[in-house]
Structure formats: C-alpha cells, structure tokens
C-alpha cells in the first residue's frame, strides 16, 4: 500500500488508552469512477491486512434546482439512470471484495447531497475511515476535489483517504 503505513493504520484503530478497539470500520464511497475504483482497491488491501469491516456506499445525488428546468419525465429518467449506475458500481465493487474473501455491507442512499450523505453514513456506521475518489464522473457532480471531497474532508469526524487513479 503506497502512502499509508501500518503505523498510521494502527493509530486510526487505537483508542485513547492505547488499547485496540473493535475491528476497524471502513466506509468506501463508490460512484463508478476510476478514482473511486482505486479507493476501493486501497480499502480492500487495508481490510485484508487489518481485518476491517467494510461498508460500500453509493449516493444517488438529488438535484433540486433541476425541477425548474426539466419535465417530470426527464427528471425520473435521470434518477433511474443514476440509480442503475449506482447499483452497477456497487455490484462490481461487492464482487471484487467477495473474490478476496471480504464480505462488505452495501448501501445505496438517494436522499440528499453526496458529501452530507457520506459523512452522515460514516457517523451512523461509526466508521474509522472514509475512502473516496478524488475525482468522480464529471458533470453530474460527483467527488471533484474542491467540491464534494473537500466537504467530506471538512465535515468528517474520522480520517478520510482520497484516492487518485493516476
């Protein structure tokens, strides 16, 4: 694993008293992008070496401002396309983890802003680490550093690993 030492991973898991807490919990945000796939690979390696619990999360973004610009039919079509894309990306990631002997929990959230939903899910799952891609799928608004990734970094109460495919 390039860039993260075992010492760093142990520090993430250690309690203030220095004793080991329960298994490390990693939340991996999946969106189908190359950077998110790289993040999933890094999370998989950590999960194997640290015997961590993994939750895969895909957030289907809502675009409230779009209601004024497109018809209900077009909005439903967009939501269906984003939902299918999220399910496909989650399925691929889940198969990759299972092939390596890690049984991840998978979640799809479709109720809000991507950064807010990732941070909220990390808190609910009591995650020790959030893994996200540095760049998402482009114009649909996913994980561009300076946007969603920066919000997650700023709001998260746990460590955040931002992965880059290149």
C-alpha atoms as a PDB file:
ATOM      1  CA  UNK A   1       0.000   0.000   0.000  1.00  0.00           C
ATOM      2  CA  UNK A   2       1.594   3.163  -1.180  1.00  0.00           C
ATOM      3  CA  UNK A   3       1.340   6.187   1.107  1.00  0.00           C
ATOM      4  CA  UNK A   4      -0.180   4.593   4.222  1.00  0.00           C
ATOM      5  CA  UNK A   5       1.993   2.823   6.719  1.00  0.00           C
ATOM      6  CA  UNK A   6       0.888   0.117   9.095  1.00  0.00           C
ATOM      7  CA  UNK A   7       1.683   2.520  11.949  1.00  0.00           C
ATOM      8  CA  UNK A   8      -0.801   5.035  10.550  1.00  0.00           C
ATOM      9  CA  UNK A   9      -3.472   2.352  10.236  1.00  0.00           C
ATOM     10  CA  UNK A  10      -2.883   1.227  13.811  1.00  0.00           C
ATOM     11  CA  UNK A  11      -3.219   4.797  15.046  1.00  0.00           C
ATOM     12  CA  UNK A  12      -6.591   5.046  13.327  1.00  0.00           C
ATOM     13  CA  UNK A  13      -7.803   1.975  15.242  1.00  0.00           C
ATOM     14  CA  UNK A  14      -6.247   2.647  18.643  1.00  0.00           C
ATOM     15  CA  UNK A  15      -8.352   4.003  21.474  1.00  0.00           C
ATOM     16  CA  UNK A  16      -7.108   6.945  23.588  1.00  0.00           C
ATOM     17  CA  UNK A  17      -5.849   4.459  26.196  1.00  0.00           C
ATOM     18  CA  UNK A  18      -3.734   2.758  23.536  1.00  0.00           C
ATOM     19  CA  UNK A  19      -5.774  -0.456  23.593  1.00  0.00           C
ATOM     20  CA  UNK A  20      -7.266  -1.914  20.464  1.00  0.00           C
ATOM     21  CA  UNK A  21     -10.919  -1.225  19.965  1.00  0.00           C
ATOM     22  CA  UNK A  22     -13.239  -3.393  17.873  1.00  0.00           C
ATOM     23  CA  UNK A  23     -12.369  -4.077  14.227  1.00  0.00           C
ATOM     24  CA  UNK A  24     -11.557  -1.078  12.087  1.00  0.00           C
ATOM     25  CA  UNK A  25     -14.559   0.115  10.070  1.00  0.00           C
ATOM     26  CA  UNK A  26     -14.034   1.472   6.572  1.00  0.00           C
ATOM     27  CA  UNK A  27     -16.694   3.293   4.557  1.00  0.00           C
ATOM     28  CA  UNK A  28     -15.950   3.234   0.819  1.00  0.00           C
ATOM     29  CA  UNK A  29     -17.847   5.656  -1.410  1.00  0.00           C
ATOM     30  CA  UNK A  30     -18.461   4.122  -4.828  1.00  0.00           C
ATOM     31  CA  UNK A  31     -19.576   6.044  -7.912  1.00  0.00           C
ATOM     32  CA  UNK A  32     -18.190   4.088 -10.865  1.00  0.00           C
ATOM     33  CA  UNK A  33     -15.271   6.456 -11.474  1.00  0.00           C
ATOM     34  CA  UNK A  34     -11.646   5.342 -11.853  1.00  0.00           C
ATOM     35  CA  UNK A  35     -10.645   7.219  -8.695  1.00  0.00           C
ATOM     36  CA  UNK A  36     -13.410   5.566  -6.645  1.00  0.00           C
ATOM     37  CA  UNK A  37     -12.301   2.175  -8.014  1.00  0.00           C
ATOM     38  CA  UNK A  38      -8.735   2.949  -6.909  1.00  0.00           C
ATOM     39  CA  UNK A  39     -10.111   3.871  -3.477  1.00  0.00           C
ATOM     40  CA  UNK A  40     -11.927   0.543  -3.332  1.00  0.00           C
ATOM     41  CA  UNK A  41      -8.675  -1.299  -4.120  1.00  0.00           C
ATOM     42  CA  UNK A  42      -6.860   0.582  -1.346  1.00  0.00           C
ATOM     43  CA  UNK A  43      -9.719  -0.126   1.071  1.00  0.00           C
ATOM     44  CA  UNK A  44      -9.653  -3.806   0.097  1.00  0.00           C
ATOM     45  CA  UNK A  45      -5.937  -4.046   0.886  1.00  0.00           C
ATOM     46  CA  UNK A  46      -6.479  -2.340   4.235  1.00  0.00           C
ATOM     47  CA  UNK A  47      -9.436  -4.585   5.012  1.00  0.00           C
ATOM     48  CA  UNK A  48      -7.341  -7.685   4.322  1.00  0.00           C
ATOM     49  CA  UNK A  49      -4.341  -6.591   6.401  1.00  0.00           C
ATOM     50  CA  UNK A  50      -6.348  -5.022   9.226  1.00  0.00           C
ATOM     51  CA  UNK A  51      -9.283  -7.462   9.232  1.00  0.00           C
ATOM     52  CA  UNK A  52     -11.531  -4.434   8.883  1.00  0.00           C
ATOM     53  CA  UNK A  53     -15.276  -4.282   8.342  1.00  0.00           C
ATOM     54  CA  UNK A  54     -16.183  -2.631   5.050  1.00  0.00           C
ATOM     55  CA  UNK A  55     -19.298  -0.754   4.033  1.00  0.00           C
ATOM     56  CA  UNK A  56     -19.703   0.171   0.377  1.00  0.00           C
ATOM     57  CA  UNK A  57     -21.861   3.233  -0.226  1.00  0.00           C
ATOM     58  CA  UNK A  58     -23.297   4.727  -3.388  1.00  0.00           C
ATOM     59  CA  UNK A  59     -25.145   8.016  -3.132  1.00  0.00           C
ATOM     60  CA  UNK A  60     -27.629   8.932  -5.821  1.00  0.00           C
ATOM     61  CA  UNK A  61     -27.442  12.708  -5.868  1.00  0.00           C
ATOM     62  CA  UNK A  62     -30.565  14.820  -5.853  1.00  0.00           C
ATOM     63  CA  UNK A  63     -30.641  17.972  -7.908  1.00  0.00           C
ATOM     64  CA  UNK A  64     -33.461  20.151  -6.517  1.00  0.00           C
ATOM     65  CA  UNK A  65     -32.621  23.003  -8.897  1.00  0.00           C
ATOM     66  CA  UNK A  66     -33.271  20.715 -11.861  1.00  0.00           C
ATOM     67  CA  UNK A  67     -37.012  20.633 -11.073  1.00  0.00           C
ATOM     68  CA  UNK A  68     -37.353  24.069 -12.604  1.00  0.00           C
ATOM     69  CA  UNK A  69     -35.522  23.187 -15.792  1.00  0.00           C
ATOM     70  CA  UNK A  70     -36.766  19.760 -16.904  1.00  0.00           C
ATOM     71  CA  UNK A  71     -40.024  17.863 -17.050  1.00  0.00           C
ATOM     72  CA  UNK A  72     -41.067  15.255 -14.508  1.00  0.00           C
ATOM     73  CA  UNK A  73     -40.490  12.540 -17.117  1.00  0.00           C
ATOM     74  CA  UNK A  74     -36.936  13.740 -17.808  1.00  0.00           C
ATOM     75  CA  UNK A  75     -36.234  14.007 -14.059  1.00  0.00           C
ATOM     76  CA  UNK A  76     -37.489  10.451 -13.484  1.00  0.00           C
ATOM     77  CA  UNK A  77     -35.376   9.214 -16.383  1.00  0.00           C
ATOM     78  CA  UNK A  78     -32.289  10.898 -14.900  1.00  0.00           C
ATOM     79  CA  UNK A  79     -32.997   9.457 -11.443  1.00  0.00           C
ATOM     80  CA  UNK A  80     -33.474   5.967 -12.913  1.00  0.00           C
ATOM     81  CA  UNK A  81     -30.218   6.236 -14.858  1.00  0.00           C
ATOM     82  CA  UNK A  82     -28.289   7.395 -11.770  1.00  0.00           C
ATOM     83  CA  UNK A  83     -29.859   4.634  -9.681  1.00  0.00           C
ATOM     84  CA  UNK A  84     -28.916   1.944 -12.232  1.00  0.00           C
ATOM     85  CA  UNK A  85     -25.389   3.352 -12.415  1.00  0.00           C
ATOM     86  CA  UNK A  86     -25.061   3.258  -8.608  1.00  0.00           C
ATOM     87  CA  UNK A  87     -26.335  -0.322  -8.424  1.00  0.00           C
ATOM     88  CA  UNK A  88     -23.916  -1.420 -11.162  1.00  0.00           C
ATOM     89  CA  UNK A  89     -20.925   0.254  -9.488  1.00  0.00           C
ATOM     90  CA  UNK A  90     -21.848  -1.233  -6.100  1.00  0.00           C
ATOM     91  CA  UNK A  91     -22.296  -4.689  -7.602  1.00  0.00           C
ATOM     92  CA  UNK A  92     -18.878  -4.571  -9.258  1.00  0.00           C
ATOM     93  CA  UNK A  93     -17.182  -3.406  -6.062  1.00  0.00           C
ATOM     94  CA  UNK A  94     -19.011  -6.004  -3.991  1.00  0.00           C
ATOM     95  CA  UNK A  95     -17.886  -8.809  -6.350  1.00  0.00           C
ATOM     96  CA  UNK A  96     -14.285  -7.584  -6.130  1.00  0.00           C
ATOM     97  CA  UNK A  97     -14.342  -7.624  -2.325  1.00  0.00           C
ATOM     98  CA  UNK A  98     -16.058 -11.025  -2.147  1.00  0.00           C
ATOM     99  CA  UNK A  99     -13.492 -12.518  -4.540  1.00  0.00           C
ATOM    100  CA  UNK A 100     -10.829 -11.547  -1.988  1.00  0.00           C
ATOM    101  CA  UNK A 101     -12.744 -13.029   0.945  1.00  0.00           C
ATOM    102  CA  UNK A 102     -14.187  -9.771   2.313  1.00  0.00           C
ATOM    103  CA  UNK A 103     -17.972  -9.656   2.750  1.00  0.00           C
ATOM    104  CA  UNK A 104     -18.886  -5.956   2.561  1.00  0.00           C
ATOM    105  CA  UNK A 105     -22.134  -4.361   3.580  1.00  0.00           C
ATOM    106  CA  UNK A 106     -23.629  -2.373   0.688  1.00  0.00           C
ATOM    107  CA  UNK A 107     -25.839   0.682   0.912  1.00  0.00           C
ATOM    108  CA  UNK A 108     -27.480   2.982  -1.578  1.00  0.00           C
ATOM    109  CA  UNK A 109     -28.675   6.366  -0.371  1.00  0.00           C
ATOM    110  CA  UNK A 110     -30.844   8.542  -2.558  1.00  0.00           C
ATOM    111  CA  UNK A 111     -31.888  11.341  -0.313  1.00  0.00           C
ATOM    112  CA  UNK A 112     -29.506  14.236  -0.435  1.00  0.00           C
ATOM    113  CA  UNK A 113     -26.235  15.929  -1.144  1.00  0.00           C
ATOM    114  CA  UNK A 114     -23.423  13.436  -1.760  1.00  0.00           C
ATOM    115  CA  UNK A 115     -20.973  14.827   0.826  1.00  0.00           C
ATOM    116  CA  UNK A 116     -23.628  15.126   3.523  1.00  0.00           C
ATOM    117  CA  UNK A 117     -24.851  11.565   2.963  1.00  0.00           C
ATOM    118  CA  UNK A 118     -21.336  10.114   3.064  1.00  0.00           C
ATOM    119  CA  UNK A 119     -20.486  11.919   6.301  1.00  0.00           C
ATOM    120  CA  UNK A 120     -23.857  11.019   7.851  1.00  0.00           C
ATOM    121  CA  UNK A 121     -23.429   7.353   6.915  1.00  0.00           C
ATOM    122  CA  UNK A 122     -19.881   7.323   8.320  1.00  0.00           C
ATOM    123  CA  UNK A 123     -21.231   8.616  11.625  1.00  0.00           C
ATOM    124  CA  UNK A 124     -24.109   6.123  11.678  1.00  0.00           C
ATOM    125  CA  UNK A 125     -21.766   3.222  10.876  1.00  0.00           C
ATOM    126  CA  UNK A 126     -19.152   4.509  13.366  1.00  0.00           C
ATOM    127  CA  UNK A 127     -16.551   4.395  10.597  1.00  0.00           C
ATOM    128  CA  UNK A 128     -12.879   4.889  11.403  1.00  0.00           C
ATOM    129  CA  UNK A 129     -12.023   5.764   7.810  1.00  0.00           C
ATOM    130  CA  UNK A 130     -13.854   7.113   4.765  1.00  0.00           C
ATOM    131  CA  UNK A 131     -12.345   6.243   1.387  1.00  0.00           C
ATOM    132  CA  UNK A 132     -13.383   8.392  -1.577  1.00  0.00           C
ATOM    133  CA  UNK A 133     -12.162   9.093  -5.081  1.00  0.00           C
ATOM    134  CA  UNK A 134     -10.518  12.431  -5.769  1.00  0.00           C
ATOM    135  CA  UNK A 135     -12.489  12.909  -8.974  1.00  0.00           C
ATOM    136  CA  UNK A 136     -15.831  11.476  -9.881  1.00  0.00           C
ATOM    137  CA  UNK A 137     -17.757  11.064 -13.075  1.00  0.00           C
ATOM    138  CA  UNK A 138     -17.610  14.674 -14.186  1.00  0.00           C
ATOM    139  CA  UNK A 139     -20.536  16.956 -14.938  1.00  0.00           C
ATOM    140  CA  UNK A 140     -23.011  15.011 -12.825  1.00  0.00           C
ATOM    141  CA  UNK A 141     -21.290  16.478  -9.778  1.00  0.00           C
ATOM    142  CA  UNK A 142     -19.512  13.603  -8.118  1.00  0.00           C
ATOM    143  CA  UNK A 143     -16.344  13.873  -5.991  1.00  0.00           C
ATOM    144  CA  UNK A 144     -14.376  16.709  -7.567  1.00  0.00           C
ATOM    145  CA  UNK A 145     -11.611  17.806  -5.234  1.00  0.00           C
ATOM    146  CA  UNK A 146     -12.528  21.293  -4.136  1.00  0.00           C
ATOM    147  CA  UNK A 147     -16.171  20.249  -4.129  1.00  0.00           C
ATOM    148  CA  UNK A 148     -17.583  17.095  -2.624  1.00  0.00           C
ATOM    149  CA  UNK A 149     -14.241  15.655  -1.460  1.00  0.00           C
ATOM    150  CA  UNK A 150     -13.332  18.901   0.299  1.00  0.00           C
ATOM    151  CA  UNK A 151     -16.721  18.982   2.040  1.00  0.00           C
ATOM    152  CA  UNK A 152     -16.236  15.417   3.250  1.00  0.00           C
ATOM    153  CA  UNK A 153     -12.733  16.191   4.499  1.00  0.00           C
ATOM    154  CA  UNK A 154     -14.026  19.263   6.318  1.00  0.00           C
ATOM    155  CA  UNK A 155     -17.094  17.639   7.872  1.00  0.00           C
ATOM    156  CA  UNK A 156     -15.978  14.092   8.689  1.00  0.00           C
ATOM    157  CA  UNK A 157     -15.207  13.163  12.282  1.00  0.00           C
ATOM    158  CA  UNK A 158     -12.946  10.353  11.135  1.00  0.00           C
ATOM    159  CA  UNK A 159      -9.959  10.045   8.812  1.00  0.00           C
ATOM    160  CA  UNK A 160     -10.538  10.453   5.067  1.00  0.00           C
ATOM    161  CA  UNK A 161      -8.456   8.826   2.338  1.00  0.00           C
ATOM    162  CA  UNK A 162      -8.772  10.498  -1.067  1.00  0.00           C
ATOM    163  CA  UNK A 163      -7.667   8.129  -3.847  1.00  0.00           C
ATOM    164  CA  UNK A 164      -6.402   9.051  -7.282  1.00  0.00           C
ATOM    165  CA  UNK A 165      -6.263   6.591 -10.155  1.00  0.00           C
ATOM    166  CA  UNK A 166      -3.373   8.357 -11.914  1.00  0.00           C
END
